[in-house]
C-alpha cells in the first residue's frame, strides 16, 4: 500500500510518499517547499494572507504529486504555525 504525508511546518512544507511493505516504510518520493512561516510569525505574530496562499499552493502541489503516485491514503498535518499564529 502507498501512503502520503504532507507536513506544514515552521519553515517548510514536506511531502513523503512511501509504500508499506511487511510493516516497513519504504520512501518512494520526497519533496519540500521553503516558506518561512515561523519567521513571519516571530516578526508579526501572525501568518499573512500572502503566506497562507503560498502554503496552500505548496500543499496542493504536494497532494497532486502524491495522488499521481497512487497513494491509498493521504494525510496533511499543520504543526507549529497553526499553534503559534493569531
PDB file of N, CA and C in Angstrom:
ATOM      1  N   UNK A   1       0.848  -1.175   0.000  1.00  0.00           N
ATOM      2  CA  UNK A   1       0.000   0.000   0.000  1.00  0.00           C
ATOM      3  C   UNK A   1       0.895   1.240   0.000  1.00  0.00           C
ATOM      4  N   UNK A   2       0.517   2.228  -0.785  1.00  0.00           N
ATOM      5  CA  UNK A   2       1.226   3.510  -0.808  1.00  0.00           C
ATOM      6  C   UNK A   2       0.481   4.535   0.041  1.00  0.00           C
ATOM      7  N   UNK A   3       1.261   5.283   0.800  1.00  0.00           N
ATOM      8  CA  UNK A   3       0.698   6.332   1.645  1.00  0.00           C
ATOM      9  C   UNK A   3       1.406   7.650   1.356  1.00  0.00           C
ATOM     10  N   UNK A   4       0.757   8.742   1.699  1.00  0.00           N
ATOM     11  CA  UNK A   4       1.356  10.055   1.543  1.00  0.00           C
ATOM     12  C   UNK A   4       1.119  10.880   2.791  1.00  0.00           C
ATOM     13  N   UNK A   5       2.123  11.690   3.147  1.00  0.00           N
ATOM     14  CA  UNK A   5       2.021  12.584   4.300  1.00  0.00           C
ATOM     15  C   UNK A   5       2.554  13.943   3.881  1.00  0.00           C
ATOM     16  N   UNK A   6       1.773  14.991   4.170  1.00  0.00           N
ATOM     17  CA  UNK A   6       2.209  16.367   3.958  1.00  0.00           C
ATOM     18  C   UNK A   6       2.297  17.024   5.330  1.00  0.00           C
ATOM     19  N   UNK A   7       3.458  17.609   5.626  1.00  0.00           N
ATOM     20  CA  UNK A   7       3.707  18.274   6.903  1.00  0.00           C
ATOM     21  C   UNK A   7       3.926  19.754   6.626  1.00  0.00           C
ATOM     22  N   UNK A   8       3.072  20.596   7.202  1.00  0.00           N
ATOM     23  CA  UNK A   8       3.224  22.044   7.084  1.00  0.00           C
ATOM     24  C   UNK A   8       3.892  22.509   8.366  1.00  0.00           C
ATOM     25  N   UNK A   9       5.175  22.802   8.277  1.00  0.00           N
ATOM     26  CA  UNK A   9       5.951  23.175   9.447  1.00  0.00           C
ATOM     27  C   UNK A   9       6.302  24.645   9.472  1.00  0.00           C
ATOM     28  N   UNK A  10       7.149  25.011  10.416  1.00  0.00           N
ATOM     29  CA  UNK A  10       7.537  26.407  10.602  1.00  0.00           C
ATOM     30  C   UNK A  10       8.293  26.977   9.419  1.00  0.00           C
ATOM     31  N   UNK A  11       9.130  26.171   8.783  1.00  0.00           N
ATOM     32  CA  UNK A  11       9.961  26.669   7.703  1.00  0.00           C
ATOM     33  C   UNK A  11       9.638  26.072   6.339  1.00  0.00           C
ATOM     34  N   UNK A  12       9.150  24.849   6.314  1.00  0.00           N
ATOM     35  CA  UNK A  12       8.910  24.181   5.038  1.00  0.00           C
ATOM     36  C   UNK A  12       7.628  23.363   5.079  1.00  0.00           C
ATOM     37  N   UNK A  13       7.114  23.085   3.881  1.00  0.00           N
ATOM     38  CA  UNK A  13       6.124  22.031   3.738  1.00  0.00           C
ATOM     39  C   UNK A  13       6.882  20.848   3.156  1.00  0.00           C
ATOM     40  N   UNK A  14       6.552  19.682   3.625  1.00  0.00           N
ATOM     41  CA  UNK A  14       7.248  18.472   3.164  1.00  0.00           C
ATOM     42  C   UNK A  14       6.237  17.418   2.766  1.00  0.00           C
ATOM     43  N   UNK A  15       6.601  16.680   1.732  1.00  0.00           N
ATOM     44  CA  UNK A  15       5.807  15.541   1.277  1.00  0.00           C
ATOM     45  C   UNK A  15       6.657  14.291   1.382  1.00  0.00           C
ATOM     46  N   UNK A  16       6.056  13.235   1.880  1.00  0.00           N
ATOM     47  CA  UNK A  16       6.655  11.907   1.827  1.00  0.00           C
ATOM     48  C   UNK A  16       5.621  10.975   1.213  1.00  0.00           C
ATOM     49  N   UNK A  17       6.003  10.329   0.135  1.00  0.00           N
ATOM     50  CA  UNK A  17       5.207   9.242  -0.435  1.00  0.00           C
ATOM     51  C   UNK A  17       6.006   7.977  -0.167  1.00  0.00           C
ATOM     52  N   UNK A  18       5.351   6.986   0.401  1.00  0.00           N
ATOM     53  CA  UNK A  18       6.050   5.759   0.765  1.00  0.00           C
ATOM     54  C   UNK A  18       5.135   4.563   0.557  1.00  0.00           C
ATOM     55  N   UNK A  19       5.766   3.413   0.449  1.00  0.00           N
ATOM     56  CA  UNK A  19       4.987   2.181   0.450  1.00  0.00           C
ATOM     57  C   UNK A  19       5.242   1.488   1.781  1.00  0.00           C
ATOM     58  N   UNK A  20       4.275   0.728   2.197  1.00  0.00           N
ATOM     59  CA  UNK A  20       4.414  -0.043   3.425  1.00  0.00           C
ATOM     60  C   UNK A  20       4.498  -1.499   3.010  1.00  0.00           C
ATOM     61  N   UNK A  21       5.661  -2.082   3.255  1.00  0.00           N
ATOM     62  CA  UNK A  21       5.913  -3.469   2.844  1.00  0.00           C
ATOM     63  C   UNK A  21       6.312  -4.286   4.060  1.00  0.00           C
ATOM     64  N   UNK A  22       5.472  -5.227   4.419  1.00  0.00           N
ATOM     65  CA  UNK A  22       5.722  -6.067   5.597  1.00  0.00           C
ATOM     66  C   UNK A  22       5.987  -5.231   6.842  1.00  0.00           C
ATOM     67  N   UNK A  23       5.221  -4.142   7.008  1.00  0.00           N
ATOM     68  CA  UNK A  23       5.348  -3.289   8.165  1.00  0.00           C
ATOM     69  C   UNK A  23       6.511  -2.318   8.119  1.00  0.00           C
ATOM     70  N   UNK A  24       7.230  -2.281   7.008  1.00  0.00           N
ATOM     71  CA  UNK A  24       8.373  -1.387   6.857  1.00  0.00           C
ATOM     72  C   UNK A  24       7.998  -0.258   5.897  1.00  0.00           C
ATOM     73  N   UNK A  25       8.310   0.982   6.280  1.00  0.00           N
ATOM     74  CA  UNK A  25       8.029   2.143   5.431  1.00  0.00           C
ATOM     75  C   UNK A  25       9.202   2.333   4.477  1.00  0.00           C
ATOM     76  N   UNK A  26       8.891   2.305   3.174  1.00  0.00           N
ATOM     77  CA  UNK A  26       9.914   2.464   2.142  1.00  0.00           C
ATOM     78  C   UNK A  26       9.622   3.748   1.372  1.00  0.00           C
ATOM     79  N   UNK A  27      10.467   4.807   1.547  1.00  0.00           N
ATOM     80  CA  UNK A  27      10.227   6.068   0.837  1.00  0.00           C
ATOM     81  C   UNK A  27      10.275   5.877  -0.681  1.00  0.00           C
ATOM     82  N   UNK A  28       9.321   6.520  -1.373  1.00  0.00           N
ATOM     83  CA  UNK A  28       9.270   6.487  -2.830  1.00  0.00           C
ATOM     84  C   UNK A  28       9.585   7.869  -3.398  1.00  0.00           C
ATOM     85  N   UNK A  29       9.033   8.905  -2.779  1.00  0.00           N
ATOM     86  CA  UNK A  29       9.228  10.269  -3.267  1.00  0.00           C
ATOM     87  C   UNK A  29       9.216  11.216  -2.080  1.00  0.00           C
ATOM     88  N   UNK A  30      10.053  12.253  -2.157  1.00  0.00           N
ATOM     89  CA  UNK A  30      10.095  13.296  -1.138  1.00  0.00           C
ATOM     90  C   UNK A  30      10.170  14.640  -1.850  1.00  0.00           C
ATOM     91  N   UNK A  31       9.488  15.622  -1.296  1.00  0.00           N
ATOM     92  CA  UNK A  31       9.558  16.994  -1.801  1.00  0.00           C
ATOM     93  C   UNK A  31       9.503  17.936  -0.622  1.00  0.00           C
ATOM     94  N   UNK A  32      10.008  19.146  -0.846  1.00  0.00           N
ATOM     95  CA  UNK A  32       9.827  20.177   0.168  1.00  0.00           C
ATOM     96  C   UNK A  32       9.817  21.543  -0.505  1.00  0.00           C
ATOM     97  N   UNK A  33       9.088  22.455   0.144  1.00  0.00           N
ATOM     98  CA  UNK A  33       9.000  23.838  -0.306  1.00  0.00           C
ATOM     99  C   UNK A  33       9.272  24.713   0.912  1.00  0.00           C
ATOM    100  N   UNK A  34      10.236  25.593   0.791  1.00  0.00           N
ATOM    101  CA  UNK A  34      10.569  26.502   1.894  1.00  0.00           C
ATOM    102  C   UNK A  34       9.594  27.669   1.911  1.00  0.00           C
ATOM    103  N   UNK A  35       8.977  27.913   3.067  1.00  0.00           N
ATOM    104  CA  UNK A  35       8.009  29.001   3.199  1.00  0.00           C
ATOM    105  C   UNK A  35       8.396  30.034   4.253  1.00  0.00           C
ATOM    106  N   UNK A  36       9.050  29.639   5.326  1.00  0.00           N
ATOM    107  CA  UNK A  36       9.439  30.581   6.368  1.00  0.00           C
ATOM    108  C   UNK A  36       8.274  31.136   7.175  1.00  0.00           C
ATOM    109  N   UNK A  37       7.254  30.318   7.411  1.00  0.00           N
ATOM    110  CA  UNK A  37       6.098  30.783   8.178  1.00  0.00           C
ATOM    111  C   UNK A  37       6.493  31.160   9.604  1.00  0.00           C
ATOM    112  N   UNK A  38       7.386  30.376  10.200  1.00  0.00           N
ATOM    113  CA  UNK A  38       7.817  30.656  11.568  1.00  0.00           C
ATOM    114  C   UNK A  38       8.501  32.009  11.703  1.00  0.00           C
ATOM    115  N   UNK A  39       9.315  32.350  10.708  1.00  0.00           N
ATOM    116  CA  UNK A  39       9.987  33.651  10.728  1.00  0.00           C
ATOM    117  C   UNK A  39       8.965  34.786  10.686  1.00  0.00           C
ATOM    118  N   UNK A  40       7.940  34.612   9.873  1.00  0.00           N
ATOM    119  CA  UNK A  40       6.896  35.636   9.777  1.00  0.00           C
ATOM    120  C   UNK A  40       6.125  35.750  11.091  1.00  0.00           C
ATOM    121  N   UNK A  41       5.834  34.622  11.714  1.00  0.00           N
ATOM    122  CA  UNK A  41       5.127  34.645  12.994  1.00  0.00           C
ATOM    123  C   UNK A  41       5.967  35.351  14.051  1.00  0.00           C
ATOM    124  N   UNK A  42       7.267  35.097  14.059  1.00  0.00           N
ATOM    125  CA  UNK A  42       8.142  35.770  15.024  1.00  0.00           C
ATOM    126  C   UNK A  42       8.155  37.280  14.822  1.00  0.00           C
ATOM    127  N   UNK A  43       8.142  37.718  13.550  1.00  0.00           N
ATOM    128  CA  UNK A  43       8.178  39.158  13.251  1.00  0.00           C
ATOM    129  C   UNK A  43       6.861  39.852  13.532  1.00  0.00           C
ATOM    130  N   UNK A  44       5.734  39.216  13.138  1.00  0.00           N
ATOM    131  CA  UNK A  44       4.446  39.910  13.148  1.00  0.00           C
ATOM    132  C   UNK A  44       3.414  39.301  14.092  1.00  0.00           C
ATOM    133  N   UNK A  45       3.656  38.077  14.562  1.00  0.00           N
ATOM    134  CA  UNK A  45       2.684  37.415  15.430  1.00  0.00           C
ATOM    135  C   UNK A  45       1.581  36.695  14.678  1.00  0.00           C
ATOM    136  N   UNK A  46       1.661  36.710  13.363  1.00  0.00           N
ATOM    137  CA  UNK A  46       0.614  36.049  12.562  1.00  0.00           C
ATOM    138  C   UNK A  46       1.177  35.619  11.221  1.00  0.00           C
ATOM    139  N   UNK A  47       0.361  34.896  10.475  1.00  0.00           N
ATOM    140  CA  UNK A  47       0.700  34.488   9.111  1.00  0.00           C
ATOM    141  C   UNK A  47      -0.154  35.321   8.166  1.00  0.00           C
ATOM    142  N   UNK A  48       0.490  35.987   7.220  1.00  0.00           N
ATOM    143  CA  UNK A  48      -0.213  36.870   6.291  1.00  0.00           C
ATOM    144  C   UNK A  48      -1.034  36.067   5.278  1.00  0.00           C
ATOM    145  N   UNK A  49      -1.982  36.745   4.669  1.00  0.00           N
ATOM    146  CA  UNK A  49      -2.791  36.120   3.614  1.00  0.00           C
ATOM    147  C   UNK A  49      -1.901  35.634   2.472  1.00  0.00           C
ATOM    148  N   UNK A  50      -0.866  36.391   2.159  1.00  0.00           N
ATOM    149  CA  UNK A  50       0.060  36.002   1.090  1.00  0.00           C
ATOM    150  C   UNK A  50       0.765  34.692   1.433  1.00  0.00           C
ATOM    151  N   UNK A  51       1.213  34.564   2.664  1.00  0.00           N
ATOM    152  CA  UNK A  51       1.891  33.337   3.079  1.00  0.00           C
ATOM    153  C   UNK A  51       0.925  32.160   3.163  1.00  0.00           C
ATOM    154  N   UNK A  52      -0.302  32.423   3.578  1.00  0.00           N
ATOM    155  CA  UNK A  52      -1.310  31.358   3.603  1.00  0.00           C
ATOM    156  C   UNK A  52      -1.558  30.866   2.184  1.00  0.00           C
ATOM    157  N   UNK A  53      -1.645  31.782   1.230  1.00  0.00           N
ATOM    158  CA  UNK A  53      -1.845  31.398  -0.175  1.00  0.00           C
ATOM    159  C   UNK A  53      -0.660  30.591  -0.690  1.00  0.00           C
ATOM    160  N   UNK A  54       0.554  30.994  -0.320  1.00  0.00           N
ATOM    161  CA  UNK A  54       1.750  30.256  -0.747  1.00  0.00           C
ATOM    162  C   UNK A  54       1.767  28.849  -0.147  1.00  0.00           C
ATOM    163  N   UNK A  55       1.383  28.744   1.117  1.00  0.00           N
ATOM    164  CA  UNK A  55       1.325  27.430   1.761  1.00  0.00           C
ATOM    165  C   UNK A  55       0.269  26.553   1.111  1.00  0.00           C
ATOM    166  N   UNK A  56      -0.880  27.125   0.809  1.00  0.00           N
ATOM    167  CA  UNK A  56      -1.951  26.359   0.158  1.00  0.00           C
ATOM    168  C   UNK A  56      -1.503  25.865  -1.215  1.00  0.00           C
ATOM    169  N   UNK A  57      -0.792  26.707  -1.951  1.00  0.00           N
ATOM    170  CA  UNK A  57      -0.288  26.313  -3.267  1.00  0.00           C
ATOM    171  C   UNK A  57       0.700  25.150  -3.138  1.00  0.00           C
ATOM    172  N   UNK A  58       1.596  25.228  -2.159  1.00  0.00           N
ATOM    173  CA  UNK A  58       2.565  24.154  -1.935  1.00  0.00           C
ATOM    174  C   UNK A  58       1.865  22.853  -1.560  1.00  0.00           C
ATOM    175  N   UNK A  59       0.862  22.938  -0.695  1.00  0.00           N
ATOM    176  CA  UNK A  59       0.138  21.740  -0.269  1.00  0.00           C
ATOM    177  C   UNK A  59      -0.627  21.131  -1.444  1.00  0.00           C
ATOM    178  N   UNK A  60      -1.249  21.968  -2.276  1.00  0.00           N
ATOM    179  CA  UNK A  60      -1.937  21.447  -3.469  1.00  0.00           C
ATOM    180  C   UNK A  60      -0.970  20.707  -4.376  1.00  0.00           C
ATOM    181  N   UNK A  61       0.227  21.267  -4.551  1.00  0.00           N
ATOM    182  CA  UNK A  61       1.240  20.619  -5.390  1.00  0.00           C
ATOM    183  C   UNK A  61       1.646  19.274  -4.794  1.00  0.00           C
ATOM    184  N   UNK A  62       1.930  19.259  -3.488  1.00  0.00           N
ATOM    185  CA  UNK A  62       2.301  18.003  -2.827  1.00  0.00           C
ATOM    186  C   UNK A  62       1.202  16.954  -2.967  1.00  0.00           C
ATOM    187  N   UNK A  63      -0.035  17.370  -2.772  1.00  0.00           N
ATOM    188  CA  UNK A  63      -1.158  16.429  -2.862  1.00  0.00           C
ATOM    189  C   UNK A  63      -1.291  15.877  -4.280  1.00  0.00           C
ATOM    190  N   UNK A  64      -1.089  16.715  -5.280  1.00  0.00           N
ATOM    191  CA  UNK A  64      -1.163  16.256  -6.675  1.00  0.00           C
ATOM    192  C   UNK A  64      -0.065  15.227  -6.960  1.00  0.00           C
ATOM    193  N   UNK A  65       1.138  15.485  -6.466  1.00  0.00           N
ATOM    194  CA  UNK A  65       2.237  14.528  -6.656  1.00  0.00           C
ATOM    195  C   UNK A  65       1.895  13.199  -5.992  1.00  0.00           C
ATOM    196  N   UNK A  66       1.370  13.262  -4.778  1.00  0.00           N
ATOM    197  CA  UNK A  66       1.015  12.043  -4.046  1.00  0.00           C
ATOM    198  C   UNK A  66      -0.080  11.266  -4.772  1.00  0.00           C
ATOM    199  N   UNK A  67      -1.084  11.965  -5.264  1.00  0.00           N
ATOM    200  CA  UNK A  67      -2.171  11.275  -5.977  1.00  0.00           C
ATOM    201  C   UNK A  67      -1.675  10.635  -7.263  1.00  0.00           C
ATOM    202  N   UNK A  68      -0.789  11.347  -7.988  1.00  0.00           N
ATOM    203  CA  UNK A  68      -0.220  10.754  -9.216  1.00  0.00           C
ATOM    204  C   UNK A  68       0.600   9.506  -8.895  1.00  0.00           C
ATOM    205  N   UNK A  69       1.171   9.462  -7.697  1.00  0.00           N
ATOM    206  CA  UNK A  69       1.954   8.295  -7.276  1.00  0.00           C
ATOM    207  C   UNK A  69       1.060   7.145  -6.835  1.00  0.00           C
ATOM    208  N   UNK A  70      -0.252   7.379  -6.781  1.00  0.00           N
ATOM    209  CA  UNK A  70      -1.196   6.314  -6.468  1.00  0.00           C
ATOM    210  C   UNK A  70      -1.356   6.004  -4.995  1.00  0.00           C
ATOM    211  N   UNK A  71      -1.274   7.024  -4.140  1.00  0.00           N
ATOM    212  CA  UNK A  71      -1.424   6.762  -2.713  1.00  0.00           C
ATOM    213  C   UNK A  71      -2.851   6.323  -2.378  1.00  0.00           C
ATOM    214  N   UNK A  72      -2.951   5.412  -1.436  1.00  0.00           N
ATOM    215  CA  UNK A  72      -4.255   4.958  -0.958  1.00  0.00           C
ATOM    216  C   UNK A  72      -4.744   5.834   0.184  1.00  0.00           C
ATOM    217  N   UNK A  73      -3.802   6.489   0.854  1.00  0.00           N
ATOM    218  CA  UNK A  73      -4.108   7.336   1.998  1.00  0.00           C
ATOM    219  C   UNK A  73      -3.208   8.555   1.944  1.00  0.00           C
ATOM    220  N   UNK A  74      -3.790   9.739   2.203  1.00  0.00           N
ATOM    221  CA  UNK A  74      -3.022  10.977   2.192  1.00  0.00           C
ATOM    222  C   UNK A  74      -3.452  11.823   3.384  1.00  0.00           C
ATOM    223  N   UNK A  75      -2.501  12.124   4.265  1.00  0.00           N
ATOM    224  CA  UNK A  75      -2.773  12.940   5.452  1.00  0.00           C
ATOM    225  C   UNK A  75      -1.983  14.230   5.374  1.00  0.00           C
ATOM    226  N   UNK A  76      -2.594  15.322   5.837  1.00  0.00           N
ATOM    227  CA  UNK A  76      -1.951  16.633   5.881  1.00  0.00           C
ATOM    228  C   UNK A  76      -1.959  17.101   7.325  1.00  0.00           C
ATOM    229  N   UNK A  77      -0.771  17.493   7.828  1.00  0.00           N
ATOM    230  CA  UNK A  77      -0.626  17.943   9.208  1.00  0.00           C
ATOM    231  C   UNK A  77      -0.088  19.359   9.239  1.00  0.00           C
ATOM    232  N   UNK A  78      -0.681  20.203  10.062  1.00  0.00           N
ATOM    233  CA  UNK A  78      -0.196  21.556  10.321  1.00  0.00           C
ATOM    234  C   UNK A  78       0.377  21.546  11.737  1.00  0.00           C
ATOM    235  N   UNK A  79       1.661  21.852  11.853  1.00  0.00           N
ATOM    236  CA  UNK A  79       2.306  21.767  13.161  1.00  0.00           C
ATOM    237  C   UNK A  79       2.456  23.162  13.762  1.00  0.00           C
ATOM    238  N   UNK A  80       3.649  23.570  14.085  1.00  0.00           N
ATOM    239  CA  UNK A  80       3.899  24.810  14.840  1.00  0.00           C
ATOM    240  C   UNK A  80       3.190  26.061  14.315  1.00  0.00           C
ATOM    241  N   UNK A  81       3.146  26.330  12.995  1.00  0.00           N
ATOM    242  CA  UNK A  81       2.492  27.565  12.564  1.00  0.00           C
ATOM    243  C   UNK A  81       1.017  27.660  12.989  1.00  0.00           C
ATOM    244  N   UNK A  82       0.365  26.531  13.069  1.00  0.00           N
ATOM    245  CA  UNK A  82      -1.030  26.528  13.494  1.00  0.00           C
ATOM    246  C   UNK A  82      -1.209  26.840  14.970  1.00  0.00           C
ATOM    247  N   UNK A  83      -0.231  26.466  15.764  1.00  0.00           N
ATOM    248  CA  UNK A  83      -0.299  26.720  17.210  1.00  0.00           C
ATOM    249  C   UNK A  83       0.168  28.127  17.565  1.00  0.00           C
ATOM    250  N   UNK A  84       1.092  28.679  16.791  1.00  0.00           N
ATOM    251  CA  UNK A  84       1.761  29.903  17.204  1.00  0.00           C
ATOM    252  C   UNK A  84       1.165  31.182  16.656  1.00  0.00           C
ATOM    253  N   UNK A  85       0.404  31.117  15.591  1.00  0.00           N
ATOM    254  CA  UNK A  85      -0.093  32.361  14.988  1.00  0.00           C
ATOM    255  C   UNK A  85      -1.434  32.751  15.584  1.00  0.00           C
ATOM    256  N   UNK A  86      -1.751  34.036  15.432  1.00  0.00           N
ATOM    257  CA  UNK A  86      -3.051  34.556  15.882  1.00  0.00           C
ATOM    258  C   UNK A  86      -4.133  34.178  14.909  1.00  0.00           C
TER     259      UNK A  86
END
